[in-house]
PDB file of all heavy atoms in Angstrom:
ATOM      1  N   ALA A   1     129.723  -5.810 121.623  1.00  0.00           N
ATOM      2  CA  ALA A   1     129.021  -5.380 120.407  1.00  0.00           C
ATOM      3  C   ALA A   1     129.135  -6.417 119.277  1.00  0.00           C
ATOM      4  O   ALA A   1     128.248  -6.512 118.423  1.00  0.00           O
ATOM      5  CB  ALA A   1     129.593  -4.054 119.928  1.00  0.00           C
ATOM      6  N   LEU A   2     130.226  -7.204 119.275  1.00  0.00           N
ATOM      7  CA  LEU A   2     130.437  -8.180 118.218  1.00  0.00           C
ATOM      8  C   LEU A   2     130.047  -9.602 118.623  1.00  0.00           C
ATOM      9  O   LEU A   2     130.040 -10.498 117.772  1.00  0.00           O
ATOM     10  CB  LEU A   2     131.922  -8.181 117.810  1.00  0.00           C
ATOM     11  CG  LEU A   2     132.423  -6.933 117.077  1.00  0.00           C
ATOM     12  CD1 LEU A   2     133.937  -7.051 116.839  1.00  0.00           C
ATOM     13  CD2 LEU A   2     131.699  -6.719 115.763  1.00  0.00           C
ATOM     14  N   SER A   3     129.699  -9.812 119.882  1.00  0.00           N
ATOM     15  CA  SER A   3     129.526 -11.170 120.391  1.00  0.00           C
ATOM     16  C   SER A   3     128.375 -11.937 119.741  1.00  0.00           C
ATOM     17  O   SER A   3     128.428 -13.176 119.623  1.00  0.00           O
ATOM     18  CB  SER A   3     129.292 -11.138 121.909  1.00  0.00           C
ATOM     19  OG  SER A   3     128.098 -10.390 122.233  1.00  0.00           O
ATOM     20  N   ALA A   4     127.332 -11.236 119.267  1.00  0.00           N
ATOM     21  CA  ALA A   4     126.199 -11.914 118.613  1.00  0.00           C
ATOM     22  C   ALA A   4     126.388 -12.036 117.103  1.00  0.00           C
ATOM     23  O   ALA A   4     125.479 -12.468 116.391  1.00  0.00           O
ATOM     24  CB  ALA A   4     124.906 -11.143 118.908  1.00  0.00           C
ATOM     25  N   LYS A   5     127.581 -11.644 116.599  1.00  0.00           N
ATOM     26  CA  LYS A   5     127.858 -11.670 115.168  1.00  0.00           C
ATOM     27  C   LYS A   5     126.803 -10.877 114.389  1.00  0.00           C
ATOM     28  O   LYS A   5     126.160 -11.396 113.484  1.00  0.00           O
ATOM     29  CB  LYS A   5     127.966 -13.114 114.658  1.00  0.00           C
ATOM     30  CG  LYS A   5     129.009 -13.932 115.406  1.00  0.00           C
ATOM     31  CD  LYS A   5     128.926 -15.413 115.116  1.00  0.00           C
ATOM     32  CE  LYS A   5     129.890 -16.168 116.013  1.00  0.00           C
ATOM     33  NZ  LYS A   5     129.759 -17.645 115.881  1.00  0.00           N
ATOM     34  N   PRO A   6     126.616  -9.605 114.748  1.00  0.00           N
ATOM     35  CA  PRO A   6     125.533  -8.802 114.165  1.00  0.00           C
ATOM     36  C   PRO A   6     125.808  -8.428 112.723  1.00  0.00           C
ATOM     37  O   PRO A   6     126.946  -8.469 112.252  1.00  0.00           O
ATOM     38  CB  PRO A   6     125.523  -7.559 115.054  1.00  0.00           C
ATOM     39  CG  PRO A   6     126.956  -7.421 115.468  1.00  0.00           C
ATOM     40  CD  PRO A   6     127.425  -8.813 115.671  1.00  0.00           C
ATOM     41  N   ARG A   7     124.764  -8.022 112.001  1.00  0.00           N
ATOM     42  CA  ARG A   7     124.932  -7.521 110.644  1.00  0.00           C
ATOM     43  C   ARG A   7     125.373  -6.070 110.628  1.00  0.00           C
ATOM     44  O   ARG A   7     126.005  -5.618 109.683  1.00  0.00           O
ATOM     45  CB  ARG A   7     123.632  -7.678 109.843  1.00  0.00           C
ATOM     46  CG  ARG A   7     123.280  -9.100 109.468  1.00  0.00           C
ATOM     47  CD  ARG A   7     124.356  -9.762 108.606  1.00  0.00           C
ATOM     48  NE  ARG A   7     124.784  -8.979 107.444  1.00  0.00           N
ATOM     49  CZ  ARG A   7     124.120  -8.942 106.283  1.00  0.00           C
ATOM     50  NH1 ARG A   7     123.006  -9.641 106.142  1.00  0.00           N
ATOM     51  NH2 ARG A   7     124.575  -8.219 105.287  1.00  0.00           N
ATOM     52  N   VAL A   8     125.002  -5.323 111.688  1.00  0.00           N
ATOM     53  CA  VAL A   8     125.326  -3.901 111.769  1.00  0.00           C
ATOM     54  C   VAL A   8     125.940  -3.598 113.141  1.00  0.00           C
ATOM     55  O   VAL A   8     125.474  -4.142 114.149  1.00  0.00           O
ATOM     56  CB  VAL A   8     124.055  -3.049 111.556  1.00  0.00           C
ATOM     57  CG1 VAL A   8     124.349  -1.571 111.863  1.00  0.00           C
ATOM     58  CG2 VAL A   8     123.533  -3.205 110.139  1.00  0.00           C
ATOM     59  N   VAL A   9     126.965  -2.756 113.139  1.00  0.00           N
ATOM     60  CA  VAL A   9     127.509  -2.237 114.393  1.00  0.00           C
ATOM     61  C   VAL A   9     127.520  -0.726 114.295  1.00  0.00           C
ATOM     62  O   VAL A   9     127.960  -0.156 113.282  1.00  0.00           O
ATOM     63  CB  VAL A   9     128.942  -2.733 114.661  1.00  0.00           C
ATOM     64  CG1 VAL A   9     129.522  -2.095 115.916  1.00  0.00           C
ATOM     65  CG2 VAL A   9     128.990  -4.259 114.772  1.00  0.00           C
ATOM     66  N   VAL A  10     126.990  -0.043 115.318  1.00  0.00           N
ATOM     67  CA  VAL A  10     127.075   1.416 115.374  1.00  0.00           C
ATOM     68  C   VAL A  10     127.991   1.792 116.531  1.00  0.00           C
ATOM     69  O   VAL A  10     127.929   1.207 117.620  1.00  0.00           O
ATOM     70  CB  VAL A  10     125.690   2.088 115.529  1.00  0.00           C
ATOM     71  CG1 VAL A  10     124.855   1.842 114.269  1.00  0.00           C
ATOM     72  CG2 VAL A  10     124.940   1.549 116.759  1.00  0.00           C
ATOM     73  N   ALA A  11     128.859   2.796 116.290  1.00  0.00           N
ATOM     74  CA  ALA A  11     129.845   3.165 117.305  1.00  0.00           C
ATOM     75  C   ALA A  11     129.969   4.683 117.356  1.00  0.00           C
ATOM     76  O   ALA A  11     129.804   5.377 116.349  1.00  0.00           O
ATOM     77  CB  ALA A  11     131.191   2.535 116.956  1.00  0.00           C
ATOM     78  N   SER A  12     130.284   5.188 118.539  1.00  0.00           N
ATOM     79  CA  SER A  12     130.423   6.635 118.708  1.00  0.00           C
ATOM     80  C   SER A  12     131.436   6.935 119.832  1.00  0.00           C
ATOM     81  O   SER A  12     131.459   6.243 120.854  1.00  0.00           O
ATOM     82  CB  SER A  12     129.067   7.253 119.059  1.00  0.00           C
ATOM     83  OG  SER A  12     129.195   8.658 119.219  1.00  0.00           O
ATOM     84  N   ASN A  13     132.275   7.945 119.594  1.00  0.00           N
ATOM     85  CA  ASN A  13     133.232   8.438 120.574  1.00  0.00           C
ATOM     86  C   ASN A  13     134.272   7.426 121.030  1.00  0.00           C
ATOM     87  O   ASN A  13     134.859   7.564 122.114  1.00  0.00           O
ATOM     88  CB  ASN A  13     132.506   8.975 121.820  1.00  0.00           C
ATOM     89  CG  ASN A  13     131.704  10.227 121.541  1.00  0.00           C
ATOM     90  OD1 ASN A  13     132.097  11.047 120.709  1.00  0.00           O
ATOM     91  ND2 ASN A  13     130.578  10.370 122.203  1.00  0.00           N
ATOM     92  N   ILE A  14     134.528   6.403 120.211  1.00  0.00           N
ATOM     93  CA  ILE A  14     135.475   5.364 120.650  1.00  0.00           C
ATOM     94  C   ILE A  14     136.887   5.900 120.743  1.00  0.00           C
ATOM     95  O   ILE A  14     137.693   5.372 121.502  1.00  0.00           O
ATOM     96  CB  ILE A  14     135.414   4.144 119.720  1.00  0.00           C
ATOM     97  CG1 ILE A  14     135.708   4.553 118.273  1.00  0.00           C
ATOM     98  CG2 ILE A  14     134.086   3.421 119.833  1.00  0.00           C
ATOM     99  CD1 ILE A  14     135.866   3.368 117.332  1.00  0.00           C
ATOM    100  N   GLU A  15     137.201   6.930 119.947  1.00  0.00           N
ATOM    101  CA  GLU A  15     138.553   7.463 119.939  1.00  0.00           C
ATOM    102  C   GLU A  15     138.903   8.234 121.204  1.00  0.00           C
ATOM    103  O   GLU A  15     140.078   8.516 121.488  1.00  0.00           O
ATOM    104  CB  GLU A  15     138.778   8.371 118.702  1.00  0.00           C
ATOM    105  CG  GLU A  15     138.087   9.697 118.764  1.00  0.00           C
ATOM    106  CD  GLU A  15     136.626   9.670 118.355  1.00  0.00           C
ATOM    107  OE1 GLU A  15     136.067   8.572 118.169  1.00  0.00           O
ATOM    108  OE2 GLU A  15     136.027  10.762 118.240  1.00  0.00           O
ATOM    109  N   LYS A  16     137.878   8.522 121.995  1.00  0.00           N
ATOM    110  CA  LYS A  16     138.057   9.351 123.194  1.00  0.00           C
ATOM    111  C   LYS A  16     138.977   8.676 124.223  1.00  0.00           C
ATOM    112  O   LYS A  16     139.743   9.355 124.929  1.00  0.00           O
ATOM    113  CB  LYS A  16     136.692   9.637 123.829  1.00  0.00           C
ATOM    114  CG  LYS A  16     136.731  10.599 125.004  1.00  0.00           C
ATOM    115  CD  LYS A  16     135.300  10.896 125.459  1.00  0.00           C
ATOM    116  CE  LYS A  16     135.293  11.854 126.643  1.00  0.00           C
ATOM    117  NZ  LYS A  16     133.911  12.137 127.108  1.00  0.00           N
ATOM    118  N   TYR A  17     138.912   7.350 124.286  1.00  0.00           N
ATOM    119  CA  TYR A  17     139.656   6.631 125.326  1.00  0.00           C
ATOM    120  C   TYR A  17     140.688   5.650 124.776  1.00  0.00           C
ATOM    121  O   TYR A  17     141.320   4.920 125.567  1.00  0.00           O
ATOM    122  CB  TYR A  17     138.682   5.862 126.227  1.00  0.00           C
ATOM    123  CG  TYR A  17     137.694   6.751 126.933  1.00  0.00           C
ATOM    124  CD1 TYR A  17     136.341   6.697 126.597  1.00  0.00           C
ATOM    125  CD2 TYR A  17     138.095   7.631 127.928  1.00  0.00           C
ATOM    126  CE1 TYR A  17     135.426   7.538 127.217  1.00  0.00           C
ATOM    127  CE2 TYR A  17     137.162   8.462 128.559  1.00  0.00           C
ATOM    128  CZ  TYR A  17     135.832   8.404 128.212  1.00  0.00           C
ATOM    129  OH  TYR A  17     134.938   9.218 128.824  1.00  0.00           O
ATOM    130  N   LEU A  18     140.870   5.615 123.463  1.00  0.00           N
ATOM    131  CA  LEU A  18     141.788   4.657 122.845  1.00  0.00           C
ATOM    132  C   LEU A  18     142.964   5.369 122.200  1.00  0.00           C
ATOM    133  O   LEU A  18     142.771   6.411 121.573  1.00  0.00           O
ATOM    134  CB  LEU A  18     141.061   3.789 121.806  1.00  0.00           C
ATOM    135  CG  LEU A  18     139.856   2.990 122.285  1.00  0.00           C
ATOM    136  CD1 LEU A  18     139.201   2.281 121.103  1.00  0.00           C
ATOM    137  CD2 LEU A  18     140.265   1.962 123.351  1.00  0.00           C
ATOM    138  N   ASP A  19     144.161   4.776 122.306  1.00  0.00           N
ATOM    139  CA  ASP A  19     145.293   5.367 121.604  1.00  0.00           C
ATOM    140  C   ASP A  19     145.318   4.844 120.175  1.00  0.00           C
ATOM    141  O   ASP A  19     144.479   4.013 119.782  1.00  0.00           O
ATOM    142  CB  ASP A  19     146.605   5.057 122.332  1.00  0.00           C
ATOM    143  CG  ASP A  19     146.945   3.581 122.445  1.00  0.00           C
ATOM    144  OD1 ASP A  19     146.546   2.801 121.545  1.00  0.00           O
ATOM    145  OD2 ASP A  19     147.608   3.200 123.414  1.00  0.00           O
ATOM    146  N   GLU A  20     146.234   5.373 119.371  1.00  0.00           N
ATOM    147  CA  GLU A  20     146.264   5.048 117.938  1.00  0.00           C
ATOM    148  C   GLU A  20     146.467   3.553 117.693  1.00  0.00           C
ATOM    149  O   GLU A  20     145.831   2.985 116.807  1.00  0.00           O
ATOM    150  CB  GLU A  20     147.345   5.855 117.244  1.00  0.00           C
ATOM    151  CG  GLU A  20     147.314   5.728 115.724  1.00  0.00           C
ATOM    152  CD  GLU A  20     148.240   6.716 115.034  1.00  0.00           C
ATOM    153  OE1 GLU A  20     148.863   7.548 115.726  1.00  0.00           O
ATOM    154  OE2 GLU A  20     148.357   6.660 113.797  1.00  0.00           O
ATOM    155  N   LYS A  21     147.309   2.931 118.474  1.00  0.00           N
ATOM    156  CA  LYS A  21     147.578   1.499 118.312  1.00  0.00           C
ATOM    157  C   LYS A  21     146.307   0.689 118.610  1.00  0.00           C
ATOM    158  O   LYS A  21     145.972  -0.249 117.867  1.00  0.00           O
ATOM    159  CB  LYS A  21     148.698   1.057 119.229  1.00  0.00           C
ATOM    160  CG  LYS A  21     149.059  -0.419 119.083  1.00  0.00           C
ATOM    161  CD  LYS A  21     150.192  -0.808 120.032  1.00  0.00           C
ATOM    162  CE  LYS A  21     150.496  -2.299 119.927  1.00  0.00           C
ATOM    163  NZ  LYS A  21     151.587  -2.703 120.896  1.00  0.00           N
ATOM    164  N   GLU A  22     145.616   1.050 119.672  1.00  0.00           N
ATOM    165  CA  GLU A  22     144.379   0.339 120.043  1.00  0.00           C
ATOM    166  C   GLU A  22     143.296   0.516 118.975  1.00  0.00           C
ATOM    167  O   GLU A  22     142.561  -0.433 118.644  1.00  0.00           O
ATOM    168  CB  GLU A  22     143.883   0.833 121.403  1.00  0.00           C
ATOM    169  CG  GLU A  22     144.782   0.390 122.554  1.00  0.00           C
ATOM    170  CD  GLU A  22     144.521   1.154 123.828  1.00  0.00           C
ATOM    171  OE1 GLU A  22     143.894   2.241 123.792  1.00  0.00           O
ATOM    172  OE2 GLU A  22     144.946   0.674 124.891  1.00  0.00           O
ATOM    173  N   LEU A  23     143.199   1.722 118.400  1.00  0.00           N
ATOM    174  CA  LEU A  23     142.243   1.976 117.331  1.00  0.00           C
ATOM    175  C   LEU A  23     142.526   1.136 116.098  1.00  0.00           C
ATOM    176  O   LEU A  23     141.627   0.527 115.508  1.00  0.00           O
ATOM    177  CB  LEU A  23     142.228   3.457 116.958  1.00  0.00           C
ATOM    178  CG  LEU A  23     141.498   4.401 117.894  1.00  0.00           C
ATOM    179  CD1 LEU A  23     141.800   5.843 117.536  1.00  0.00           C
ATOM    180  CD2 LEU A  23     140.000   4.162 117.861  1.00  0.00           C
ATOM    181  N   LYS A  24     143.804   1.071 115.720  1.00  0.00           N
ATOM    182  CA  LYS A  24     144.173   0.266 114.551  1.00  0.00           C
ATOM    183  C   LYS A  24     143.913  -1.205 114.765  1.00  0.00           C
ATOM    184  O   LYS A  24     143.467  -1.919 113.850  1.00  0.00           O
ATOM    185  CB  LYS A  24     145.663   0.517 114.200  1.00  0.00           C
ATOM    186  CG  LYS A  24     145.926   1.861 113.574  1.00  0.00           C
ATOM    187  CD  LYS A  24     147.377   2.032 113.179  1.00  0.00           C
ATOM    188  CE  LYS A  24     147.608   3.359 112.461  1.00  0.00           C
ATOM    189  NZ  LYS A  24     149.038   3.560 112.088  1.00  0.00           N
ATOM    190  N   THR A  25     144.136  -1.672 115.989  1.00  0.00           N
ATOM    191  CA  THR A  25     143.829  -3.066 116.313  1.00  0.00           C
ATOM    192  C   THR A  25     142.347  -3.334 116.177  1.00  0.00           C
ATOM    193  O   THR A  25     141.915  -4.331 115.603  1.00  0.00           O
ATOM    194  CB  THR A  25     144.287  -3.399 117.753  1.00  0.00           C
ATOM    195  OG1 THR A  25     145.705  -3.252 117.827  1.00  0.00           O
ATOM    196  CG2 THR A  25     143.916  -4.825 118.127  1.00  0.00           C
ATOM    197  N   MET A  26     141.539  -2.410 116.709  1.00  0.00           N
ATOM    198  CA  MET A  26     140.087  -2.560 116.639  1.00  0.00           C
ATOM    199  C   MET A  26     139.598  -2.588 115.182  1.00  0.00           C
ATOM    200  O   MET A  26     138.763  -3.406 114.815  1.00  0.00           O
ATOM    201  CB  MET A  26     139.432  -1.406 117.414  1.00  0.00           C
ATOM    202  CG  MET A  26     137.951  -1.548 117.625  1.00  0.00           C
ATOM    203  SD  MET A  26     137.312  -0.234 118.706  1.00  0.00           S
ATOM    204  CE  MET A  26     137.968  -0.754 120.288  1.00  0.00           C
ATOM    205  N   PHE A  27     140.147  -1.703 114.362  1.00  0.00           N
ATOM    206  CA  PHE A  27     139.752  -1.689 112.951  1.00  0.00           C
ATOM    207  C   PHE A  27     140.193  -2.965 112.254  1.00  0.00           C
ATOM    208  O   PHE A  27     139.496  -3.460 111.359  1.00  0.00           O
ATOM    209  CB  PHE A  27     140.355  -0.453 112.265  1.00  0.00           C
ATOM    210  CG  PHE A  27     139.479   0.766 112.300  1.00  0.00           C
ATOM    211  CD1 PHE A  27     139.328   1.490 113.480  1.00  0.00           C
ATOM    212  CD2 PHE A  27     138.777   1.172 111.189  1.00  0.00           C
ATOM    213  CE1 PHE A  27     138.519   2.620 113.529  1.00  0.00           C
ATOM    214  CE2 PHE A  27     137.957   2.306 111.235  1.00  0.00           C
ATOM    215  CZ  PHE A  27     137.825   3.012 112.403  1.00  0.00           C
ATOM    216  N   GLY A  28     141.339  -3.523 112.654  1.00  0.00           N
ATOM    217  CA  GLY A  28     141.785  -4.789 112.084  1.00  0.00           C
ATOM    218  C   GLY A  28     140.806  -5.913 112.397  1.00  0.00           C
ATOM    219  O   GLY A  28     140.504  -6.743 111.525  1.00  0.00           O
ATOM    220  N   VAL A  29     140.296  -5.930 113.614  1.00  0.00           N
ATOM    221  CA  VAL A  29     139.298  -6.946 113.991  1.00  0.00           C
ATOM    222  C   VAL A  29     138.011  -6.736 113.207  1.00  0.00           C
ATOM    223  O   VAL A  29     137.399  -7.677 112.702  1.00  0.00           O
ATOM    224  CB  VAL A  29     139.021  -6.896 115.517  1.00  0.00           C
ATOM    225  CG1 VAL A  29     137.930  -7.918 115.880  1.00  0.00           C
ATOM    226  CG2 VAL A  29     140.289  -7.188 116.306  1.00  0.00           C
ATOM    227  N   TRP A  30     137.597  -5.471 113.080  1.00  0.00           N
ATOM    228  CA  TRP A  30     136.394  -5.172 112.301  1.00  0.00           C
ATOM    229  C   TRP A  30     136.531  -5.667 110.869  1.00  0.00           C
ATOM    230  O   TRP A  30     135.587  -6.212 110.321  1.00  0.00           O
ATOM    231  CB  TRP A  30     136.118  -3.666 112.319  1.00  0.00           C
ATOM    232  CG  TRP A  30     135.209  -3.235 113.411  1.00  0.00           C
ATOM    233  CD1 TRP A  30     134.238  -3.982 114.016  1.00  0.00           C
ATOM    234  CD2 TRP A  30     135.141  -1.942 114.023  1.00  0.00           C
ATOM    235  NE1 TRP A  30     133.595  -3.252 114.977  1.00  0.00           N
ATOM    236  CE2 TRP A  30     134.117  -1.993 114.982  1.00  0.00           C
ATOM    237  CE3 TRP A  30     135.856  -0.759 113.826  1.00  0.00           C
ATOM    238  CZ2 TRP A  30     133.787  -0.880 115.772  1.00  0.00           C
ATOM    239  CZ3 TRP A  30     135.509   0.339 114.592  1.00  0.00           C
ATOM    240  CH2 TRP A  30     134.502   0.275 115.560  1.00  0.00           C
ATOM    241  N   ARG A  31     137.698  -5.481 110.271  1.00  0.00           N
ATOM    242  CA  ARG A  31     137.867  -5.934 108.894  1.00  0.00           C
ATOM    243  C   ARG A  31     137.701  -7.431 108.789  1.00  0.00           C
ATOM    244  O   ARG A  31     137.166  -7.943 107.801  1.00  0.00           O
ATOM    245  CB  ARG A  31     139.228  -5.494 108.351  1.00  0.00           C
ATOM    246  CG  ARG A  31     139.350  -3.987 108.290  1.00  0.00           C
ATOM    247  CD  ARG A  31     140.292  -3.490 107.202  1.00  0.00           C
ATOM    248  NE  ARG A  31     140.249  -2.031 107.138  1.00  0.00           N
ATOM    249  CZ  ARG A  31     139.324  -1.344 106.526  1.00  0.00           C
ATOM    250  NH1 ARG A  31     138.336  -1.966 105.899  1.00  0.00           N
ATOM    251  NH2 ARG A  31     139.346  -0.021 106.496  1.00  0.00           N
ATOM    252  N   MET A  32     138.140  -8.149 109.797  1.00  0.00           N
ATOM    253  CA  MET A  32     137.982  -9.589 109.840  1.00  0.00           C
ATOM    254  C   MET A  32     136.500  -9.965 109.929  1.00  0.00           C
ATOM    255  O   MET A  32     136.012 -10.818 109.166  1.00  0.00           O
ATOM    256  CB  MET A  32     138.732 -10.193 111.016  1.00  0.00           C
ATOM    257  CG  MET A  32     138.583 -11.704 111.175  1.00  0.00           C
ATOM    258  SD  MET A  32     139.131 -12.282 112.802  1.00  0.00           S
ATOM    259  CE  MET A  32     137.700 -11.807 113.819  1.00  0.00           C
ATOM    260  N   THR A  33     135.765  -9.301 110.817  1.00  0.00           N
ATOM    261  CA  THR A  33     134.352  -9.646 111.002  1.00  0.00           C
ATOM    262  C   THR A  33     133.493  -9.170 109.831  1.00  0.00           C
ATOM    263  O   THR A  33     132.510  -9.823 109.471  1.00  0.00           O
ATOM    264  CB  THR A  33     133.797  -9.075 112.329  1.00  0.00           C
ATOM    265  OG1 THR A  33     133.881  -7.653 112.324  1.00  0.00           O
ATOM    266  CG2 THR A  33     134.585  -9.627 113.515  1.00  0.00           C
ATOM    267  N   VAL A  34     133.866  -8.026 109.230  1.00  0.00           N
ATOM    268  CA  VAL A  34     133.150  -7.559 108.039  1.00  0.00           C
ATOM    269  C   VAL A  34     133.249  -8.593 106.936  1.00  0.00           C
ATOM    270  O   VAL A  34     132.264  -8.938 106.259  1.00  0.00           O
ATOM    271  CB  VAL A  34     133.706  -6.196 107.564  1.00  0.00           C
ATOM    272  CG1 VAL A  34     133.265  -5.908 106.119  1.00  0.00           C
ATOM    273  CG2 VAL A  34     133.249  -5.068 108.479  1.00  0.00           C
ATOM    274  N   SER A  35     134.444  -9.117 106.729  1.00  0.00           N
ATOM    275  CA  SER A  35     134.674 -10.104 105.679  1.00  0.00           C
ATOM    276  C   SER A  35     133.933 -11.420 105.972  1.00  0.00           C
ATOM    277  O   SER A  35     133.336 -12.023 105.084  1.00  0.00           O
ATOM    278  CB  SER A  35     136.175 -10.383 105.542  1.00  0.00           C
ATOM    279  OG  SER A  35     136.433 -11.408 104.615  1.00  0.00           O
TER     280      SER A  35
END
C-alpha cells in the first residue's frame, strides 16, 4: 500500500490480525510517511 508513495492510504480491519505491538509499529511507519 505504501510502495508507490501515495498521497492517500485507505485501510480497513487491520486490527483483526495484528497485535498491539504490531499496530503501534505500523502507526509509527505511517507517521514517518505522512511527514
